[in-house]
N, C-alpha and C. Protein backbone atom coordinates (compact mmCIF):
# COMPACT_ATOMS: atom_id res chain seq x y z
N MET A 1 0.83 -1.20 0.00
CA MET A 1 0.00 0.00 0.00
C MET A 1 0.87 1.26 0.00
N GLN A 2 1.90 1.27 0.83
CA GLN A 2 2.80 2.43 0.88
C GLN A 2 3.57 2.58 -0.43
N ASN A 3 3.95 1.46 -0.99
CA ASN A 3 4.69 1.47 -2.23
C ASN A 3 3.86 2.11 -3.35
N ARG A 4 2.58 1.76 -3.38
CA ARG A 4 1.70 2.31 -4.41
C ARG A 4 1.49 3.81 -4.20
N ALA A 5 1.33 4.23 -2.97
CA ALA A 5 1.15 5.65 -2.67
C ALA A 5 2.40 6.45 -3.06
N ALA A 6 3.56 5.89 -2.80
CA ALA A 6 4.81 6.56 -3.16
C ALA A 6 4.93 6.68 -4.68
N LYS A 7 4.52 5.61 -5.37
CA LYS A 7 4.58 5.64 -6.84
C LYS A 7 3.64 6.70 -7.40
N LEU A 8 2.42 6.78 -6.86
CA LEU A 8 1.46 7.77 -7.32
C LEU A 8 1.95 9.19 -7.03
N GLN A 9 2.55 9.38 -5.87
CA GLN A 9 3.09 10.69 -5.51
C GLN A 9 4.21 11.09 -6.47
N SER A 10 5.05 10.13 -6.80
CA SER A 10 6.14 10.39 -7.73
C SER A 10 5.61 10.75 -9.12
N LEU A 11 4.61 10.01 -9.59
CA LEU A 11 4.02 10.30 -10.90
C LEU A 11 3.35 11.67 -10.93
N LEU A 12 2.67 12.01 -9.84
CA LEU A 12 2.02 13.31 -9.75
C LEU A 12 3.05 14.44 -9.80
N PHE A 13 4.14 14.27 -9.08
CA PHE A 13 5.21 15.27 -9.07
C PHE A 13 5.79 15.44 -10.47
N LEU A 14 6.06 14.32 -11.15
CA LEU A 14 6.63 14.40 -12.50
C LEU A 14 5.65 15.08 -13.47
N HIS A 15 4.36 14.77 -13.32
CA HIS A 15 3.35 15.39 -14.17
C HIS A 15 3.29 16.90 -13.94
N GLU A 16 3.36 17.33 -12.68
CA GLU A 16 3.33 18.76 -12.36
C GLU A 16 4.55 19.47 -12.93
N MET A 17 5.71 18.84 -12.85
CA MET A 17 6.93 19.45 -13.38
C MET A 17 6.85 19.59 -14.91
N LYS A 18 6.33 18.57 -15.56
CA LYS A 18 6.20 18.61 -17.01
C LYS A 18 5.21 19.70 -17.42
N ALA A 19 4.09 19.81 -16.71
CA ALA A 19 3.09 20.84 -17.01
C ALA A 19 3.67 22.23 -16.82
N LYS A 20 4.47 22.40 -15.80
CA LYS A 20 5.10 23.70 -15.53
C LYS A 20 6.05 24.07 -16.66
N ARG A 21 6.82 23.11 -17.14
CA ARG A 21 7.78 23.34 -18.22
C ARG A 21 7.04 23.70 -19.52
N VAL A 22 5.97 22.97 -19.83
CA VAL A 22 5.20 23.23 -21.03
C VAL A 22 4.56 24.62 -20.96
N LYS A 23 4.05 24.98 -19.80
CA LYS A 23 3.43 26.30 -19.63
C LYS A 23 4.45 27.41 -19.87
N LYS A 24 5.66 27.21 -19.37
CA LYS A 24 6.71 28.21 -19.54
C LYS A 24 7.07 28.36 -21.02
N ILE A 25 7.16 27.25 -21.73
CA ILE A 25 7.49 27.27 -23.15
C ILE A 25 6.39 28.00 -23.92
N LYS A 26 5.14 27.69 -23.61
CA LYS A 26 4.02 28.34 -24.29
C LYS A 26 4.04 29.84 -24.02
N SER A 27 4.37 30.20 -22.78
CA SER A 27 4.40 31.60 -22.41
C SER A 27 5.47 32.35 -23.21
N LYS A 28 6.65 31.73 -23.35
CA LYS A 28 7.73 32.35 -24.12
C LYS A 28 7.31 32.53 -25.57
N THR A 29 6.66 31.53 -26.12
CA THR A 29 6.21 31.59 -27.51
C THR A 29 5.20 32.72 -27.68
N TYR A 30 4.26 32.81 -26.77
CA TYR A 30 3.24 33.84 -26.86
C TYR A 30 3.86 35.22 -26.80
N ARG A 31 4.78 35.41 -25.87
CA ARG A 31 5.43 36.72 -25.74
C ARG A 31 6.19 37.09 -26.99
N SER A 32 6.91 36.14 -27.56
CA SER A 32 7.69 36.46 -28.76
C SER A 32 6.77 36.77 -29.94
N LEU A 33 5.66 36.04 -30.08
CA LEU A 33 4.71 36.34 -31.15
C LEU A 33 4.08 37.70 -30.97
N LYS A 34 3.74 38.03 -29.73
CA LYS A 34 3.14 39.33 -29.44
C LYS A 34 4.12 40.45 -29.78
N LYS A 35 5.38 40.25 -29.42
CA LYS A 35 6.41 41.24 -29.69
C LYS A 35 6.56 41.44 -31.19
N ASN A 36 6.55 40.36 -31.96
CA ASN A 36 6.67 40.45 -33.41
C ASN A 36 5.48 41.18 -34.03
N ARG A 37 4.27 40.90 -33.51
CA ARG A 37 3.09 41.57 -34.03
C ARG A 37 3.15 43.07 -33.77
N LEU A 38 3.59 43.45 -32.56
CA LEU A 38 3.71 44.87 -32.23
C LEU A 38 4.74 45.56 -33.11
N LYS A 39 5.85 44.87 -33.37
CA LYS A 39 6.89 45.43 -34.22
C LYS A 39 6.36 45.66 -35.63
N ALA A 40 5.63 44.69 -36.17
CA ALA A 40 5.08 44.81 -37.51
C ALA A 40 4.07 45.95 -37.58
N LYS A 41 3.23 46.05 -36.56
CA LYS A 41 2.21 47.11 -36.55
C LYS A 41 2.86 48.48 -36.45
N SER A 42 3.90 48.61 -35.63
CA SER A 42 4.54 49.92 -35.49
C SER A 42 5.23 50.34 -36.78
N SER A 43 5.86 49.41 -37.48
CA SER A 43 6.50 49.76 -38.75
C SER A 43 5.45 50.13 -39.80
N GLN A 44 4.31 49.46 -39.75
CA GLN A 44 3.24 49.76 -40.68
C GLN A 44 2.66 51.14 -40.40
N LEU A 45 2.52 51.50 -39.13
CA LEU A 45 1.96 52.79 -38.76
C LEU A 45 2.92 53.93 -39.08
N GLU A 46 4.23 53.66 -39.03
CA GLU A 46 5.19 54.70 -39.37
C GLU A 46 5.07 55.10 -40.84
N MET A 47 4.69 54.16 -41.69
CA MET A 47 4.57 54.45 -43.12
C MET A 47 3.33 55.27 -43.44
N ASP A 48 2.26 55.11 -42.66
CA ASP A 48 1.00 55.82 -42.94
C ASP A 48 0.59 56.64 -41.72
N PRO A 49 0.87 57.95 -41.71
CA PRO A 49 0.56 58.78 -40.54
C PRO A 49 -0.94 58.87 -40.24
N GLU A 50 -1.77 58.84 -41.28
CA GLU A 50 -3.21 58.92 -41.06
C GLU A 50 -3.71 57.68 -40.31
N ALA A 51 -3.21 56.53 -40.69
CA ALA A 51 -3.58 55.29 -40.01
C ALA A 51 -3.07 55.31 -38.58
N ALA A 52 -1.91 55.91 -38.36
CA ALA A 52 -1.36 55.99 -37.00
C ALA A 52 -2.26 56.84 -36.12
N ASN A 53 -2.77 57.95 -36.66
CA ASN A 53 -3.69 58.80 -35.89
C ASN A 53 -4.97 58.07 -35.55
N LYS A 54 -5.51 57.33 -36.52
CA LYS A 54 -6.73 56.55 -36.26
C LYS A 54 -6.48 55.50 -35.18
N TYR A 55 -5.35 54.84 -35.29
CA TYR A 55 -5.00 53.80 -34.32
C TYR A 55 -4.86 54.39 -32.92
N ASP A 56 -4.21 55.55 -32.81
CA ASP A 56 -4.05 56.21 -31.51
C ASP A 56 -5.39 56.59 -30.91
N MET A 57 -6.28 57.11 -31.72
CA MET A 57 -7.61 57.49 -31.23
C MET A 57 -8.39 56.25 -30.76
N LYS A 58 -8.27 55.18 -31.51
CA LYS A 58 -8.95 53.93 -31.14
C LYS A 58 -8.42 53.42 -29.80
N GLN A 59 -7.09 53.44 -29.64
CA GLN A 59 -6.48 52.97 -28.39
C GLN A 59 -6.91 53.86 -27.22
N GLU A 60 -6.95 55.17 -27.43
CA GLU A 60 -7.36 56.10 -26.38
C GLU A 60 -8.81 55.85 -25.97
N PHE A 61 -9.66 55.59 -26.95
CA PHE A 61 -11.06 55.31 -26.67
C PHE A 61 -11.21 54.02 -25.86
N GLN A 62 -10.43 53.00 -26.22
CA GLN A 62 -10.49 51.73 -25.48
C GLN A 62 -10.01 51.91 -24.05
N ARG A 63 -8.96 52.71 -23.84
CA ARG A 63 -8.49 52.97 -22.47
C ARG A 63 -9.55 53.68 -21.66
N ALA A 64 -10.24 54.65 -22.30
CA ALA A 64 -11.30 55.38 -21.60
C ALA A 64 -12.44 54.43 -21.23
N GLU A 65 -12.80 53.52 -22.12
CA GLU A 65 -13.86 52.55 -21.82
C GLU A 65 -13.49 51.69 -20.63
N VAL A 66 -12.25 51.22 -20.60
CA VAL A 66 -11.79 50.38 -19.49
C VAL A 66 -11.82 51.18 -18.19
N TYR A 67 -11.39 52.42 -18.24
CA TYR A 67 -11.37 53.28 -17.06
C TYR A 67 -12.78 53.50 -16.55
N MET A 68 -13.74 53.75 -17.45
CA MET A 68 -15.13 53.95 -17.05
C MET A 68 -15.71 52.66 -16.46
N TYR A 69 -15.34 51.52 -17.02
CA TYR A 69 -15.81 50.24 -16.52
C TYR A 69 -15.31 50.01 -15.10
N ILE A 70 -14.04 50.35 -14.87
CA ILE A 70 -13.46 50.17 -13.54
C ILE A 70 -14.14 51.10 -12.54
N LEU A 71 -14.40 52.32 -12.94
CA LEU A 71 -15.04 53.28 -12.03
C LEU A 71 -16.48 52.90 -11.70
N SER A 72 -17.14 52.15 -12.57
CA SER A 72 -18.53 51.79 -12.32
C SER A 72 -18.67 50.80 -11.17
N TYR A 73 -17.59 50.16 -10.76
CA TYR A 73 -17.67 49.21 -9.65
C TYR A 73 -17.40 49.85 -8.35
């Protein structure tokens, strides 16, 4: 009985370590993809000033919406 419990505990520990490693890898991938998307968008906005102004206004409006949502609570 003790042997089985020790084996299950060992398997659980190994599973948790593997899940933690996979999560870290996914997180790194997500961050790098996000960084690349931001870089591409910024270079695209530098080429078209009108689009940059529209984008800035859109971002400002979204920030205001979030701020109003937070204040409503």
